[in-house]
N, C-alpha and C. Protein backbone atom coordinates (compact mmCIF):
# COMPACT_ATOMS: atom_id res chain seq x y z
N MET A 1 0.84 -1.19 0.00
CA MET A 1 0.00 0.00 0.00
C MET A 1 0.88 1.24 0.00
N LEU A 2 0.52 2.20 -0.80
CA LEU A 2 1.29 3.43 -0.91
C LEU A 2 0.78 4.47 0.08
N ASP A 3 1.71 5.14 0.75
CA ASP A 3 1.30 6.19 1.66
C ASP A 3 1.15 7.51 0.90
N ASP A 4 0.71 8.54 1.60
CA ASP A 4 0.44 9.84 0.96
C ASP A 4 1.69 10.45 0.33
N ILE A 5 2.84 10.25 0.95
CA ILE A 5 4.08 10.82 0.40
C ILE A 5 4.43 10.14 -0.92
N SER A 6 4.35 8.81 -0.96
CA SER A 6 4.64 8.10 -2.21
C SER A 6 3.66 8.50 -3.31
N LEU A 7 2.39 8.65 -2.97
CA LEU A 7 1.41 9.10 -3.95
C LEU A 7 1.74 10.49 -4.47
N LYS A 8 2.18 11.37 -3.59
CA LYS A 8 2.56 12.72 -4.01
C LYS A 8 3.78 12.67 -4.93
N ILE A 9 4.73 11.82 -4.61
CA ILE A 9 5.92 11.65 -5.47
C ILE A 9 5.49 11.18 -6.86
N LEU A 10 4.58 10.22 -6.91
CA LEU A 10 4.10 9.71 -8.20
C LEU A 10 3.39 10.80 -9.00
N LYS A 11 2.59 11.61 -8.34
CA LYS A 11 1.92 12.72 -9.03
C LYS A 11 2.95 13.67 -9.64
N ILE A 12 3.97 13.99 -8.87
CA ILE A 12 5.01 14.91 -9.35
C ILE A 12 5.73 14.30 -10.56
N LEU A 13 6.10 13.02 -10.46
CA LEU A 13 6.83 12.37 -11.55
C LEU A 13 5.98 12.22 -12.81
N GLN A 14 4.68 11.99 -12.65
CA GLN A 14 3.82 11.91 -13.83
C GLN A 14 3.74 13.25 -14.54
N GLU A 15 3.78 14.32 -13.77
CA GLU A 15 3.71 15.66 -14.35
C GLU A 15 4.99 16.00 -15.11
N LYS A 16 6.13 15.61 -14.53
CA LYS A 16 7.42 15.94 -15.14
C LYS A 16 8.45 14.91 -14.69
N ALA A 17 8.64 13.88 -15.48
CA ALA A 17 9.50 12.76 -15.10
C ALA A 17 10.97 13.17 -14.96
N ARG A 18 11.37 14.23 -15.61
CA ARG A 18 12.77 14.65 -15.55
C ARG A 18 13.06 15.66 -14.44
N ILE A 19 12.11 15.85 -13.56
CA ILE A 19 12.31 16.78 -12.47
C ILE A 19 13.47 16.28 -11.59
N PRO A 20 14.36 17.18 -11.19
CA PRO A 20 15.48 16.75 -10.34
C PRO A 20 14.97 16.18 -9.00
N ASN A 21 15.64 15.16 -8.53
CA ASN A 21 15.28 14.52 -7.28
C ASN A 21 15.24 15.53 -6.13
N VAL A 22 16.15 16.48 -6.16
CA VAL A 22 16.20 17.51 -5.11
C VAL A 22 14.91 18.31 -5.09
N GLU A 23 14.36 18.59 -6.26
CA GLU A 23 13.11 19.35 -6.34
C GLU A 23 11.93 18.52 -5.84
N VAL A 24 11.91 17.24 -6.17
CA VAL A 24 10.86 16.36 -5.65
C VAL A 24 10.94 16.35 -4.12
N ALA A 25 12.15 16.20 -3.61
CA ALA A 25 12.35 16.17 -2.15
C ALA A 25 11.86 17.46 -1.51
N ARG A 26 12.14 18.60 -2.15
CA ARG A 26 11.68 19.88 -1.61
C ARG A 26 10.16 19.92 -1.56
N GLN A 27 9.51 19.45 -2.63
CA GLN A 27 8.05 19.52 -2.69
C GLN A 27 7.36 18.60 -1.68
N VAL A 28 7.99 17.48 -1.34
CA VAL A 28 7.39 16.56 -0.38
C VAL A 28 7.99 16.70 1.01
N GLU A 29 8.91 17.65 1.12
CA GLU A 29 9.55 17.99 2.40
C GLU A 29 10.24 16.78 3.03
N MET A 30 11.11 16.16 2.22
CA MET A 30 11.91 15.02 2.68
C MET A 30 13.34 15.19 2.19
N ALA A 31 14.23 14.40 2.74
CA ALA A 31 15.62 14.39 2.28
C ALA A 31 15.68 13.75 0.89
N PRO A 32 16.54 14.29 0.00
CA PRO A 32 16.66 13.72 -1.34
C PRO A 32 16.98 12.22 -1.33
N SER A 33 17.82 11.78 -0.41
CA SER A 33 18.18 10.35 -0.36
C SER A 33 16.95 9.50 -0.03
N ALA A 34 16.08 9.98 0.84
CA ALA A 34 14.87 9.24 1.20
C ALA A 34 13.90 9.18 0.01
N VAL A 35 13.79 10.27 -0.72
CA VAL A 35 12.93 10.30 -1.91
C VAL A 35 13.46 9.35 -2.97
N LEU A 36 14.77 9.39 -3.19
CA LEU A 36 15.37 8.50 -4.18
C LEU A 36 15.14 7.04 -3.81
N GLU A 37 15.26 6.70 -2.55
CA GLU A 37 15.02 5.32 -2.10
C GLU A 37 13.56 4.92 -2.34
N ARG A 38 12.62 5.83 -2.09
CA ARG A 38 11.21 5.54 -2.35
C ARG A 38 10.97 5.29 -3.84
N ILE A 39 11.58 6.13 -4.67
CA ILE A 39 11.42 5.98 -6.12
C ILE A 39 11.98 4.63 -6.58
N ARG A 40 13.17 4.30 -6.12
CA ARG A 40 13.79 3.02 -6.50
C ARG A 40 12.94 1.84 -6.04
N LYS A 41 12.38 1.94 -4.84
CA LYS A 41 11.52 0.88 -4.32
C LYS A 41 10.28 0.72 -5.20
N MET A 42 9.67 1.85 -5.60
CA MET A 42 8.48 1.78 -6.46
C MET A 42 8.82 1.23 -7.84
N GLU A 43 10.04 1.48 -8.31
CA GLU A 43 10.49 0.90 -9.58
C GLU A 43 10.63 -0.62 -9.43
N ARG A 44 11.26 -1.06 -8.35
CA ARG A 44 11.44 -2.50 -8.11
C ARG A 44 10.10 -3.23 -7.96
N GLN A 45 9.14 -2.57 -7.34
CA GLN A 45 7.81 -3.16 -7.14
C GLN A 45 6.95 -3.14 -8.40
N GLY A 46 7.41 -2.46 -9.44
CA GLY A 46 6.64 -2.38 -10.67
C GLY A 46 5.56 -1.30 -10.64
N ILE A 47 5.55 -0.48 -9.61
CA ILE A 47 4.59 0.63 -9.54
C ILE A 47 4.96 1.67 -10.59
N ILE A 48 6.25 1.98 -10.67
CA ILE A 48 6.77 2.83 -11.74
C ILE A 48 7.24 1.87 -12.82
N ASP A 49 6.60 1.95 -13.97
CA ASP A 49 6.83 0.99 -15.05
C ASP A 49 7.91 1.44 -16.02
N GLY A 50 8.36 2.67 -15.92
CA GLY A 50 9.39 3.17 -16.83
C GLY A 50 9.22 4.65 -17.07
N TYR A 51 10.10 5.18 -17.88
CA TYR A 51 10.09 6.60 -18.21
C TYR A 51 10.25 6.70 -19.72
N GLU A 52 9.52 7.61 -20.34
CA GLU A 52 9.69 7.78 -21.77
C GLU A 52 9.48 9.24 -22.15
N VAL A 53 10.04 9.60 -23.27
CA VAL A 53 9.92 10.95 -23.80
C VAL A 53 8.69 10.99 -24.70
N ARG A 54 7.87 12.03 -24.55
CA ARG A 54 6.73 12.23 -25.45
C ARG A 54 7.19 13.15 -26.57
N LEU A 55 7.11 12.66 -27.79
CA LEU A 55 7.50 13.45 -28.95
C LEU A 55 6.28 14.15 -29.52
N ASN A 56 6.49 15.28 -30.15
CA ASN A 56 5.42 16.00 -30.81
C ASN A 56 5.15 15.33 -32.16
N PRO A 57 3.99 14.69 -32.33
CA PRO A 57 3.70 13.96 -33.57
C PRO A 57 3.80 14.82 -34.83
N ALA A 58 3.46 16.09 -34.73
CA ALA A 58 3.51 16.98 -35.89
C ALA A 58 4.93 17.14 -36.41
N GLN A 59 5.91 17.08 -35.52
CA GLN A 59 7.31 17.23 -35.92
C GLN A 59 7.81 16.02 -36.71
N PHE A 60 7.06 14.92 -36.68
CA PHE A 60 7.44 13.70 -37.37
C PHE A 60 6.41 13.30 -38.42
N ASP A 61 5.59 14.26 -38.82
CA ASP A 61 4.54 14.05 -39.82
C ASP A 61 3.65 12.87 -39.44
N ARG A 62 3.19 12.88 -38.21
CA ARG A 62 2.31 11.84 -37.68
C ARG A 62 1.08 12.50 -37.05
N ARG A 63 0.44 13.38 -37.80
CA ARG A 63 -0.70 14.13 -37.27
C ARG A 63 -2.00 13.32 -37.24
N GLN A 64 -2.14 12.38 -38.15
CA GLN A 64 -3.40 11.64 -38.28
C GLN A 64 -3.45 10.47 -37.31
N ILE A 65 -4.50 10.46 -36.47
CA ILE A 65 -4.74 9.35 -35.55
C ILE A 65 -5.94 8.58 -36.08
N ALA A 66 -5.87 7.27 -35.97
CA ALA A 66 -7.01 6.43 -36.35
C ALA A 66 -7.16 5.31 -35.34
N PHE A 67 -8.39 4.90 -35.13
CA PHE A 67 -8.70 3.73 -34.33
C PHE A 67 -9.29 2.71 -35.28
N ILE A 68 -8.79 1.49 -35.21
CA ILE A 68 -9.28 0.45 -36.11
C ILE A 68 -9.81 -0.71 -35.28
N GLU A 69 -11.05 -1.07 -35.54
CA GLU A 69 -11.65 -2.26 -34.93
C GLU A 69 -11.38 -3.41 -35.89
N ILE A 70 -10.81 -4.48 -35.36
CA ILE A 70 -10.39 -5.60 -36.21
C ILE A 70 -11.14 -6.86 -35.80
N ARG A 71 -11.80 -7.46 -36.76
CA ARG A 71 -12.51 -8.73 -36.52
C ARG A 71 -11.63 -9.86 -37.04
N THR A 72 -11.55 -10.93 -36.27
CA THR A 72 -10.73 -12.08 -36.67
C THR A 72 -11.62 -13.30 -36.91
N ARG A 73 -11.05 -14.33 -37.51
CA ARG A 73 -11.78 -15.55 -37.86
C ARG A 73 -12.34 -16.28 -36.64
N LEU A 74 -11.52 -16.42 -35.64
CA LEU A 74 -11.91 -17.19 -34.47
C LEU A 74 -12.22 -16.27 -33.30
N VAL A 75 -13.23 -16.62 -32.53
CA VAL A 75 -13.58 -15.84 -31.34
C VAL A 75 -12.53 -16.14 -30.27
N GLY A 76 -12.13 -15.12 -29.56
CA GLY A 76 -11.16 -15.30 -28.49
C GLY A 76 -9.82 -14.68 -28.85
N ASP A 77 -9.06 -14.43 -27.82
CA ASP A 77 -7.75 -13.80 -27.98
C ASP A 77 -6.77 -14.80 -28.58
N ARG A 78 -6.13 -14.40 -29.64
CA ARG A 78 -5.06 -15.19 -30.25
C ARG A 78 -3.78 -14.38 -30.07
N PRO A 79 -2.92 -14.81 -29.16
CA PRO A 79 -1.69 -14.03 -28.90
C PRO A 79 -0.87 -13.74 -30.15
N GLU A 80 -0.86 -14.68 -31.10
CA GLU A 80 -0.07 -14.44 -32.30
C GLU A 80 -0.65 -13.29 -33.13
N THR A 81 -1.96 -13.12 -33.10
CA THR A 81 -2.58 -12.01 -33.82
C THR A 81 -2.26 -10.69 -33.12
N GLY A 82 -2.41 -10.66 -31.81
CA GLY A 82 -2.06 -9.46 -31.05
C GLY A 82 -0.61 -9.09 -31.22
N THR A 83 0.27 -10.09 -31.22
CA THR A 83 1.71 -9.86 -31.39
C THR A 83 2.01 -9.33 -32.79
N ALA A 84 1.33 -9.88 -33.80
CA ALA A 84 1.54 -9.41 -35.18
C ALA A 84 1.10 -7.95 -35.33
N LEU A 85 -0.02 -7.59 -34.70
CA LEU A 85 -0.48 -6.20 -34.75
C LEU A 85 0.50 -5.29 -34.01
N ALA A 86 0.97 -5.74 -32.85
CA ALA A 86 1.89 -4.94 -32.05
C ALA A 86 3.22 -4.70 -32.77
N ALA A 87 3.58 -5.56 -33.70
CA ALA A 87 4.84 -5.43 -34.42
C ALA A 87 4.80 -4.35 -35.51
N ILE A 88 3.62 -3.85 -35.82
CA ILE A 88 3.50 -2.80 -36.84
C ILE A 88 3.88 -1.47 -36.19
N PRO A 89 4.96 -0.85 -36.65
CA PRO A 89 5.49 0.34 -35.97
C PRO A 89 4.50 1.50 -35.81
N GLU A 90 3.62 1.69 -36.76
CA GLU A 90 2.68 2.81 -36.71
C GLU A 90 1.60 2.60 -35.65
N ILE A 91 1.39 1.36 -35.25
CA ILE A 91 0.37 1.07 -34.24
C ILE A 91 0.95 1.37 -32.86
N GLN A 92 0.25 2.23 -32.11
CA GLN A 92 0.70 2.62 -30.78
C GLN A 92 0.07 1.79 -29.68
N GLU A 93 -1.13 1.28 -29.91
CA GLU A 93 -1.83 0.51 -28.88
C GLU A 93 -2.56 -0.65 -29.54
N VAL A 94 -2.57 -1.80 -28.87
CA VAL A 94 -3.32 -2.97 -29.31
C VAL A 94 -4.09 -3.47 -28.10
N HIS A 95 -5.41 -3.56 -28.24
CA HIS A 95 -6.26 -4.02 -27.15
C HIS A 95 -7.14 -5.16 -27.64
N TYR A 96 -7.19 -6.24 -26.88
CA TYR A 96 -8.16 -7.31 -27.12
C TYR A 96 -9.41 -6.87 -26.39
N VAL A 97 -10.55 -6.81 -27.10
CA VAL A 97 -11.76 -6.21 -26.53
C VAL A 97 -12.96 -7.16 -26.59
N ALA A 98 -13.94 -6.89 -25.74
CA ALA A 98 -15.21 -7.62 -25.77
C ALA A 98 -16.09 -7.00 -26.85
N GLY A 99 -17.04 -7.75 -27.33
CA GLY A 99 -17.96 -7.24 -28.34
C GLY A 99 -17.78 -7.97 -29.65
N GLU A 100 -18.33 -7.41 -30.69
CA GLU A 100 -18.29 -8.06 -32.01
C GLU A 100 -16.88 -8.13 -32.58
N ASP A 101 -16.10 -7.09 -32.35
CA ASP A 101 -14.74 -7.08 -32.88
C ASP A 101 -13.80 -7.66 -31.83
N CYS A 102 -12.66 -8.11 -32.29
CA CYS A 102 -11.72 -8.77 -31.39
C CYS A 102 -10.63 -7.84 -30.88
N TYR A 103 -10.16 -6.93 -31.74
CA TYR A 103 -9.06 -6.06 -31.37
C TYR A 103 -9.40 -4.61 -31.70
N LEU A 104 -8.90 -3.72 -30.88
CA LEU A 104 -8.98 -2.29 -31.14
C LEU A 104 -7.56 -1.77 -31.13
N VAL A 105 -7.16 -1.12 -32.21
CA VAL A 105 -5.81 -0.57 -32.27
C VAL A 105 -5.86 0.93 -32.51
N LYS A 106 -4.84 1.60 -32.01
CA LYS A 106 -4.68 3.03 -32.25
C LYS A 106 -3.38 3.19 -33.02
N LEU A 107 -3.44 3.99 -34.07
CA LEU A 107 -2.20 4.24 -34.80
C LEU A 107 -2.10 5.69 -35.21
N ARG A 108 -0.88 6.08 -35.53
CA ARG A 108 -0.58 7.44 -36.01
C ARG A 108 0.11 7.34 -37.35
N VAL A 109 -0.37 8.14 -38.28
CA VAL A 109 0.19 8.16 -39.64
C VAL A 109 0.23 9.61 -40.13
N ALA A 110 0.81 9.78 -41.31
CA ALA A 110 0.89 11.12 -41.90
C ALA A 110 -0.47 11.56 -42.44
N ASP A 111 -1.17 10.64 -43.11
CA ASP A 111 -2.42 11.02 -43.78
C ASP A 111 -3.24 9.77 -44.08
N THR A 112 -4.39 9.98 -44.71
CA THR A 112 -5.28 8.85 -44.99
C THR A 112 -4.70 7.91 -46.05
N ALA A 113 -3.84 8.40 -46.92
CA ALA A 113 -3.21 7.51 -47.91
C ALA A 113 -2.30 6.51 -47.19
N GLU A 114 -1.54 6.97 -46.23
CA GLU A 114 -0.68 6.06 -45.46
C GLU A 114 -1.53 5.11 -44.63
N LEU A 115 -2.61 5.62 -44.08
CA LEU A 115 -3.54 4.79 -43.29
C LEU A 115 -4.07 3.65 -44.16
N ALA A 116 -4.52 3.97 -45.36
CA ALA A 116 -5.05 2.95 -46.27
C ALA A 116 -3.98 1.92 -46.62
N ALA A 117 -2.77 2.36 -46.83
CA ALA A 117 -1.68 1.44 -47.16
C ALA A 117 -1.38 0.50 -46.00
N ILE A 118 -1.39 0.99 -44.78
CA ILE A 118 -1.12 0.14 -43.62
C ILE A 118 -2.23 -0.89 -43.43
N ILE A 119 -3.47 -0.46 -43.60
CA ILE A 119 -4.57 -1.41 -43.48
C ILE A 119 -4.44 -2.50 -44.55
N ARG A 120 -4.18 -2.09 -45.76
CA ARG A 120 -4.11 -3.03 -46.89
C ARG A 120 -2.86 -3.92 -46.83
N GLU A 121 -1.70 -3.32 -46.53
CA GLU A 121 -0.43 -4.04 -46.67
C GLU A 121 0.09 -4.67 -45.38
N LYS A 122 -0.38 -4.18 -44.23
CA LYS A 122 0.17 -4.70 -42.97
C LYS A 122 -0.87 -5.37 -42.08
N ILE A 123 -2.10 -4.87 -42.09
CA ILE A 123 -3.13 -5.44 -41.20
C ILE A 123 -3.92 -6.52 -41.91
N ALA A 124 -4.44 -6.23 -43.09
CA ALA A 124 -5.30 -7.18 -43.80
C ALA A 124 -4.57 -8.46 -44.18
N VAL A 125 -3.25 -8.43 -44.25
CA VAL A 125 -2.49 -9.62 -44.64
C VAL A 125 -2.26 -10.58 -43.46
N ILE A 126 -2.59 -10.15 -42.25
CA ILE A 126 -2.48 -11.05 -41.09
C ILE A 126 -3.53 -12.13 -41.25
N ASN A 127 -3.11 -13.37 -41.17
CA ASN A 127 -3.96 -14.52 -41.49
C ASN A 127 -5.32 -14.51 -40.82
N GLU A 128 -5.40 -14.19 -39.55
CA GLU A 128 -6.66 -14.26 -38.81
C GLU A 128 -7.62 -13.10 -39.08
N VAL A 129 -7.14 -12.02 -39.66
CA VAL A 129 -7.97 -10.83 -39.86
C VAL A 129 -9.01 -11.06 -40.95
N VAL A 130 -10.27 -10.81 -40.57
CA VAL A 130 -11.39 -10.97 -41.50
C VAL A 130 -11.84 -9.61 -42.03
N SER A 131 -11.94 -8.62 -41.12
CA SER A 131 -12.40 -7.30 -41.55
C SER A 131 -11.89 -6.23 -40.59
N THR A 132 -11.94 -4.99 -41.07
CA THR A 132 -11.57 -3.85 -40.24
C THR A 132 -12.61 -2.76 -40.38
N ARG A 133 -12.71 -1.94 -39.36
CA ARG A 133 -13.59 -0.77 -39.39
C ARG A 133 -12.78 0.37 -38.78
N THR A 134 -12.60 1.43 -39.52
CA THR A 134 -11.69 2.50 -39.13
C THR A 134 -12.43 3.79 -38.78
N THR A 135 -11.99 4.39 -37.70
CA THR A 135 -12.47 5.72 -37.30
C THR A 135 -11.27 6.65 -37.28
N THR A 136 -11.34 7.73 -38.05
CA THR A 136 -10.24 8.69 -38.05
C THR A 136 -10.59 9.85 -37.11
N VAL A 137 -9.58 10.36 -36.47
CA VAL A 137 -9.75 11.43 -35.50
C VAL A 137 -9.66 12.77 -36.22
N LEU A 138 -10.63 13.64 -35.96
CA LEU A 138 -10.63 14.98 -36.56
C LEU A 138 -9.96 16.00 -35.65
N GLN A 139 -10.13 15.85 -34.35
CA GLN A 139 -9.57 16.80 -33.37
C GLN A 139 -9.36 16.05 -32.06
N THR A 140 -8.22 16.27 -31.42
CA THR A 140 -7.94 15.64 -30.13
C THR A 140 -7.99 16.70 -29.04
N TYR A 141 -8.76 16.44 -28.00
CA TYR A 141 -8.87 17.36 -26.88
C TYR A 141 -8.08 16.89 -25.67
N LYS A 142 -7.84 15.60 -25.59
CA LYS A 142 -7.03 15.08 -24.50
C LYS A 142 -6.43 13.76 -24.94
N GLU A 143 -5.15 13.61 -24.65
CA GLU A 143 -4.45 12.36 -24.93
C GLU A 143 -3.36 12.24 -23.88
N THR A 144 -3.44 11.21 -23.06
CA THR A 144 -2.47 11.05 -21.99
C THR A 144 -2.34 9.59 -21.61
N ALA A 145 -1.22 9.26 -21.01
CA ALA A 145 -1.02 7.92 -20.44
C ALA A 145 -0.99 8.00 -18.92
N ARG A 146 -1.27 9.18 -18.40
CA ARG A 146 -1.24 9.37 -16.94
C ARG A 146 -2.37 8.60 -16.27
N ILE A 147 -2.08 8.09 -15.08
CA ILE A 147 -3.05 7.39 -14.26
C ILE A 147 -3.52 8.35 -13.17
N PRO A 148 -4.84 8.56 -13.03
CA PRO A 148 -5.31 9.43 -11.94
C PRO A 148 -4.92 8.83 -10.59
N ILE A 149 -4.33 9.64 -9.74
CA ILE A 149 -3.91 9.20 -8.41
C ILE A 149 -4.73 9.93 -7.38
N ARG A 150 -5.43 9.16 -6.59
CA ARG A 150 -6.24 9.74 -5.52
C ARG A 150 -5.48 9.61 -4.21
N SER A 151 -5.44 10.69 -3.47
CA SER A 151 -4.75 10.62 -2.17
C SER A 151 -5.70 10.99 -1.05
């Protein structure tokens, strides 16, 4: 169980992962060594899963977001299908979902021409894939990987 100080540290790190340890310690009113030990412990426990840089998609000509619902031949999760979808570099997320479709993927591309090519050349060729249904994003108001932390 995480105490209030650890939760506050996690909130700070989610906001700015590159914040100096000394600054985190100042904000939670603890010694930097104690804060660092808490962070390392949360990393070992798998509470902190890693750190990554968020790139601006526009700087890499990846403005177009699409969600694709993918129906497969057999009902149920097929790890090889999920793995094949996850191997496509443009796909950012692969989810096995309940309902009529089997997988929901999110991808980023330059434009609809690239989107069509990926569906045709990379997704539709996966053996288990029967059909796809695509929704393109017109405007994004929120996109985050942050987890709400209640204290």
